[in-house]
Amino acid sequence: MNILNDKYAVISAPYKLIINEDNVELYNIFKDPTEELDISKNKPEITKKLTEIFNNWPKGSNRSLSVIESLMDPDTFGGKEDRLPYVEQAFINAEEGID
């Protein structure tokens, strides 16, 4: 999951790994729901396992709009739709094998 500005999360309960550029953080989201204590140094095996899951996960191209593009697109804010809804387009892309 891309949560913000090339920051990604991998969740395997009770752990959540956050990856951005060269930084990796690991949290036990059951014991630390506000993610205040990074335990990546204390749990290197879990950190490694979740990092490997992230690195091996198939990734497509980034199709999200920038903030300015979102603000300038009336379809995003309930205006007249000028394209197929995202969910319907995603199903079509999946059927056609489009990334």
C-alpha atoms as a PDB file:
ATOM      1  CA  MET A   1       0.000   0.000   0.000  1.00  0.00           C
ATOM      2  CA  ASN A   2       1.383   3.410  -0.954  1.00  0.00           C
ATOM      3  CA  ILE A   3       0.286   5.525   1.978  1.00  0.00           C
ATOM      4  CA  LEU A   4       1.889   8.873   1.157  1.00  0.00           C
ATOM      5  CA  ASN A   5       4.648  10.202  -1.077  1.00  0.00           C
ATOM      6  CA  ASP A   6       6.383   6.924  -1.868  1.00  0.00           C
ATOM      7  CA  LYS A   7       5.871   5.627   1.649  1.00  0.00           C
ATOM      8  CA  TYR A   8       4.651   2.041   1.693  1.00  0.00           C
ATOM      9  CA  ALA A   9       3.231  -0.257   4.360  1.00  0.00           C
ATOM     10  CA  VAL A  10       3.153  -4.036   4.678  1.00  0.00           C
ATOM     11  CA  ILE A  11       0.856  -5.374   7.363  1.00  0.00           C
ATOM     12  CA  SER A  12       1.003  -8.885   8.753  1.00  0.00           C
ATOM     13  CA  ALA A  13      -0.789  -8.804  12.082  1.00  0.00           C
ATOM     14  CA  PRO A  14       0.317  -7.825  14.583  1.00  0.00           C
ATOM     15  CA  TYR A  15       3.150  -6.131  12.680  1.00  0.00           C
ATOM     16  CA  LYS A  16       3.208  -3.176  10.328  1.00  0.00           C
ATOM     17  CA  LEU A  17       6.325  -2.391   8.315  1.00  0.00           C
ATOM     18  CA  ILE A  18       6.660   1.111   6.862  1.00  0.00           C
ATOM     19  CA  ILE A  19       9.160   1.644   4.054  1.00  0.00           C
ATOM     20  CA  ASN A  20      10.229   4.932   2.512  1.00  0.00           C
ATOM     21  CA  GLU A  21      13.396   5.434   0.488  1.00  0.00           C
ATOM     22  CA  ASP A  22      16.174   4.076   2.746  1.00  0.00           C
ATOM     23  CA  ASN A  23      14.195   4.021   5.974  1.00  0.00           C
ATOM     24  CA  VAL A  24      12.346   1.013   7.432  1.00  0.00           C
ATOM     25  CA  GLU A  25      10.185   1.088  10.554  1.00  0.00           C
ATOM     26  CA  LEU A  26       8.393  -1.800  12.263  1.00  0.00           C
ATOM     27  CA  TYR A  27       5.540  -1.501  14.723  1.00  0.00           C
ATOM     28  CA  ASN A  28       3.436  -3.949  16.719  1.00  0.00           C
ATOM     29  CA  ILE A  29       0.118  -2.285  15.961  1.00  0.00           C
ATOM     30  CA  PHE A  30      -1.754  -4.338  18.576  1.00  0.00           C
ATOM     31  CA  LYS A  31       0.506  -3.279  21.467  1.00  0.00           C
ATOM     32  CA  ASP A  32       1.384   0.140  19.981  1.00  0.00           C
ATOM     33  CA  PRO A  33      -1.608   1.326  17.911  1.00  0.00           C
ATOM     34  CA  THR A  34      -0.261   4.891  17.671  1.00  0.00           C
ATOM     35  CA  GLU A  35       3.022   3.628  16.194  1.00  0.00           C
ATOM     36  CA  GLU A  36       5.309   5.408  18.638  1.00  0.00           C
ATOM     37  CA  LEU A  37       7.907   2.661  19.194  1.00  0.00           C
ATOM     38  CA  ASP A  38       9.896   1.491  16.162  1.00  0.00           C
ATOM     39  CA  ILE A  39      10.903  -2.114  16.939  1.00  0.00           C
ATOM     40  CA  SER A  40      12.725  -2.845  13.657  1.00  0.00           C
ATOM     41  CA  LYS A  41      16.107  -3.109  15.431  1.00  0.00           C
ATOM     42  CA  ASN A  42      14.657  -5.445  18.082  1.00  0.00           C
ATOM     43  CA  LYS A  43      12.885  -7.698  15.557  1.00  0.00           C
ATOM     44  CA  PRO A  44      15.322  -8.039  12.621  1.00  0.00           C
ATOM     45  CA  GLU A  45      13.836 -11.362  11.481  1.00  0.00           C
ATOM     46  CA  ILE A  46      10.318  -9.911  11.167  1.00  0.00           C
ATOM     47  CA  THR A  47      11.685  -6.751   9.545  1.00  0.00           C
ATOM     48  CA  LYS A  48      13.576  -8.853   7.007  1.00  0.00           C
ATOM     49  CA  LYS A  49      10.586 -11.117   6.275  1.00  0.00           C
ATOM     50  CA  LEU A  50       8.195  -8.200   5.671  1.00  0.00           C
ATOM     51  CA  THR A  51      10.807  -6.319   3.622  1.00  0.00           C
ATOM     52  CA  GLU A  52      11.191  -9.413   1.417  1.00  0.00           C
ATOM     53  CA  ILE A  53       7.412  -9.590   0.992  1.00  0.00           C
ATOM     54  CA  PHE A  54       7.418  -5.945  -0.099  1.00  0.00           C
ATOM     55  CA  ASN A  55      10.358  -6.393  -2.461  1.00  0.00           C
ATOM     56  CA  ASN A  56       8.754  -9.444  -4.112  1.00  0.00           C
ATOM     57  CA  TRP A  57       5.250  -7.959  -4.376  1.00  0.00           C
ATOM     58  CA  PRO A  58       4.271  -7.213  -7.982  1.00  0.00           C
ATOM     59  CA  LYS A  59       4.237  -3.482  -8.533  1.00  0.00           C
ATOM     60  CA  GLY A  60       2.587  -1.583 -11.341  1.00  0.00           C
ATOM     61  CA  SER A  61       3.115   1.937 -12.472  1.00  0.00           C
ATOM     62  CA  ASN A  62       1.894   4.735 -10.237  1.00  0.00           C
ATOM     63  CA  ARG A  63      -1.475   5.831 -11.601  1.00  0.00           C
ATOM     64  CA  SER A  64      -2.455   8.208  -8.841  1.00  0.00           C
ATOM     65  CA  LEU A  65      -3.049  11.869  -9.540  1.00  0.00           C
ATOM     66  CA  SER A  66      -0.986  14.591  -7.963  1.00  0.00           C
ATOM     67  CA  VAL A  67      -2.779  16.865  -5.496  1.00  0.00           C
ATOM     68  CA  ILE A  68      -3.015  19.670  -8.053  1.00  0.00           C
ATOM     69  CA  GLU A  69      -4.403  17.300 -10.709  1.00  0.00           C
ATOM     70  CA  SER A  70      -7.024  16.087  -8.222  1.00  0.00           C
ATOM     71  CA  LEU A  71      -8.038  19.637  -7.377  1.00  0.00           C
ATOM     72  CA  MET A  72      -8.312  20.571 -11.045  1.00  0.00           C
ATOM     73  CA  ASP A  73     -10.396  17.500 -12.002  1.00  0.00           C
ATOM     74  CA  PRO A  74     -14.135  18.112 -11.504  1.00  0.00           C
ATOM     75  CA  ASP A  75     -14.823  14.378 -11.834  1.00  0.00           C
ATOM     76  CA  THR A  76     -12.903  13.857  -8.600  1.00  0.00           C
ATOM     77  CA  PHE A  77     -15.276  16.156  -6.714  1.00  0.00           C
ATOM     78  CA  GLY A  78     -18.627  14.903  -7.963  1.00  0.00           C
ATOM     79  CA  GLY A  79     -18.739  16.777 -11.253  1.00  0.00           C
ATOM     80  CA  LYS A  80     -19.756  15.244 -14.567  1.00  0.00           C
ATOM     81  CA  GLU A  81     -17.865  12.006 -15.122  1.00  0.00           C
ATOM     82  CA  ASP A  82     -15.505  12.281 -18.057  1.00  0.00           C
ATOM     83  CA  ARG A  83     -14.183   8.724 -17.933  1.00  0.00           C
ATOM     84  CA  LEU A  84     -15.129   5.243 -16.818  1.00  0.00           C
ATOM     85  CA  PRO A  85     -15.254   4.971 -12.987  1.00  0.00           C
ATOM     86  CA  TYR A  86     -11.956   3.793 -11.494  1.00  0.00           C
ATOM     87  CA  VAL A  87     -13.276   0.493 -10.157  1.00  0.00           C
ATOM     88  CA  GLU A  88     -14.829  -0.477 -13.480  1.00  0.00           C
ATOM     89  CA  GLN A  89     -11.631   0.517 -15.302  1.00  0.00           C
ATOM     90  CA  ALA A  90      -9.566  -1.545 -12.848  1.00  0.00           C
ATOM     91  CA  PHE A  91     -11.630  -4.661 -13.671  1.00  0.00           C
ATOM     92  CA  ILE A  92     -11.190  -4.043 -17.386  1.00  0.00           C
ATOM     93  CA  ASN A  93      -7.443  -3.556 -16.924  1.00  0.00           C
ATOM     94  CA  ALA A  94      -7.202  -6.772 -14.903  1.00  0.00           C
ATOM     95  CA  GLU A  95      -9.099  -8.752 -17.536  1.00  0.00           C
ATOM     96  CA  GLU A  96      -6.888  -7.366 -20.294  1.00  0.00           C
ATOM     97  CA  GLY A  97      -3.683  -7.830 -18.270  1.00  0.00           C
ATOM     98  CA  ILE A  98      -2.943  -4.107 -18.300  1.00  0.00           C
ATOM     99  CA  ASP A  99      -0.773  -2.774 -15.500  1.00  0.00           C
END
